[in-house]
Amino acid sequence: SSDVCSSDLRFKVKSGLEAKFENIFKQSDKWPGMIMHILAKTGDQTYVAYGLWENEDKMRAAMPDMISLLDKTRDMLEELSPKLGVTDPVSGNVIFES
């Protein structure tokens, strides 16, 4: 695949751990093939991590690194739902970029 793609992950952080959670993301490396890495605070305890990738192959290659970053924060996360667990991941090809 040669299309730019995105990886997105939704979290809910346990109360009082927001700053610690944010710092772990701020200290994370930008992985090969990653164009942009964003952590957005969407509510009091809710966040979305967003990665923009050169292509799907680069995103897949970085999956172990992304999981490693998530593992550093897993104990700080609240369950989103019994079906989802503590994360809600989505990814796909970028349709529009401005």
Protein backbone atom coordinates (compact mmCIF):
# COMPACT_ATOMS: atom_id res chain seq x y z
CA SER A 1 0.00 0.00 0.00
CA SER A 2 1.27 3.47 -0.82
CA ASP A 3 -1.63 5.53 0.53
CA VAL A 4 -1.28 7.79 3.56
CA CYS A 5 -3.19 6.26 6.46
CA SER A 6 -4.14 7.09 10.03
CA SER A 7 -4.24 5.20 13.28
CA ASP A 8 -6.49 6.49 16.06
CA LEU A 9 -6.96 5.28 19.61
CA ARG A 10 -9.48 6.52 22.17
CA PHE A 11 -8.78 6.34 25.94
CA LYS A 12 -10.30 7.28 29.28
CA VAL A 13 -7.64 7.99 31.91
CA LYS A 14 -8.22 7.35 35.62
CA SER A 15 -8.87 10.55 37.56
CA GLY A 16 -5.69 12.22 38.81
CA LEU A 17 -3.39 10.42 36.35
CA GLU A 18 -3.93 12.74 33.38
CA ALA A 19 -0.58 14.59 33.68
CA LYS A 20 1.39 11.35 34.08
CA PHE A 21 -0.41 9.88 31.05
CA GLU A 22 0.24 13.01 28.94
CA ASN A 23 3.95 13.01 29.86
CA ILE A 24 4.41 9.42 28.68
CA PHE A 25 3.04 10.41 25.27
CA LYS A 26 5.11 13.63 25.16
CA GLN A 27 8.29 11.59 25.73
CA SER A 28 7.50 8.97 23.08
CA ASP A 29 9.54 8.77 19.89
CA LYS A 30 8.21 9.39 16.40
CA TRP A 31 8.53 6.04 14.64
CA PRO A 32 9.85 5.44 11.10
CA GLY A 33 7.18 6.28 8.54
CA MET A 34 5.17 8.39 10.98
CA ILE A 35 4.33 11.82 9.58
CA MET A 36 2.53 13.15 12.65
CA HIS A 37 1.67 11.98 16.19
CA ILE A 38 -0.98 13.87 18.15
CA LEU A 39 -2.54 13.37 21.58
CA ALA A 40 -5.76 15.38 21.96
CA LYS A 41 -7.67 15.84 25.22
CA THR A 42 -11.34 15.44 24.33
CA GLY A 43 -12.87 15.70 27.82
CA ASP A 44 -11.97 15.75 31.52
CA GLN A 45 -10.41 12.28 31.40
CA THR A 46 -10.78 11.35 27.72
CA TYR A 47 -8.16 11.46 24.97
CA VAL A 48 -7.58 10.49 21.36
CA ALA A 49 -4.13 9.56 20.05
CA TYR A 50 -3.78 10.15 16.33
CA GLY A 51 -1.00 8.99 14.05
CA LEU A 52 -0.57 9.90 10.40
CA TRP A 53 1.57 7.43 8.43
CA GLU A 54 3.31 7.42 5.03
CA ASN A 55 1.55 4.12 4.27
CA GLU A 56 -0.13 1.12 5.86
CA ASP A 57 3.05 -1.00 5.76
CA LYS A 58 4.95 1.57 7.88
CA MET A 59 2.02 1.73 10.31
CA ARG A 60 1.93 -2.07 10.64
CA ALA A 61 5.71 -2.19 11.14
CA ALA A 62 5.40 0.24 14.06
CA MET A 63 2.61 -1.76 15.73
CA PRO A 64 4.96 -3.35 18.34
CA ASP A 65 6.23 0.14 19.29
CA MET A 66 2.68 1.49 19.54
CA ILE A 67 1.69 -1.45 21.75
CA SER A 68 4.78 -0.88 23.91
CA LEU A 69 3.75 2.77 24.41
CA LEU A 70 0.22 1.68 25.28
CA ASP A 71 1.55 -0.92 27.75
CA LYS A 72 3.26 1.92 29.69
CA THR A 73 -0.14 3.56 30.20
CA ARG A 74 -2.50 0.58 30.43
CA ASP A 75 -2.75 0.63 34.26
CA MET A 76 -3.78 4.31 34.07
CA LEU A 77 -6.79 3.62 31.83
CA GLU A 78 -10.42 3.02 32.72
CA GLU A 79 -12.54 0.52 30.85
CA LEU A 80 -14.49 2.22 28.04
CA SER A 81 -16.97 -0.67 27.91
CA PRO A 82 -16.92 -4.45 28.53
CA LYS A 83 -16.85 -4.98 24.74
CA LEU A 84 -13.99 -2.52 24.02
CA GLY A 85 -11.87 -2.81 27.13
CA VAL A 86 -9.59 0.18 27.81
CA THR A 87 -9.01 1.31 24.20
CA ASP A 88 -11.07 1.95 21.07
CA PRO A 89 -8.72 1.64 18.06
CA VAL A 90 -9.51 2.51 14.44
CA SER A 91 -7.33 2.99 11.37
CA GLY A 92 -7.79 3.59 7.67
CA ASN A 93 -6.74 5.38 4.51
CA VAL A 94 -6.81 9.18 4.52
CA ILE A 95 -9.58 10.43 2.22
CA PHE A 96 -9.12 14.19 2.67
CA GLU A 97 -6.24 16.32 3.93
CA SER A 98 -6.16 20.11 3.92
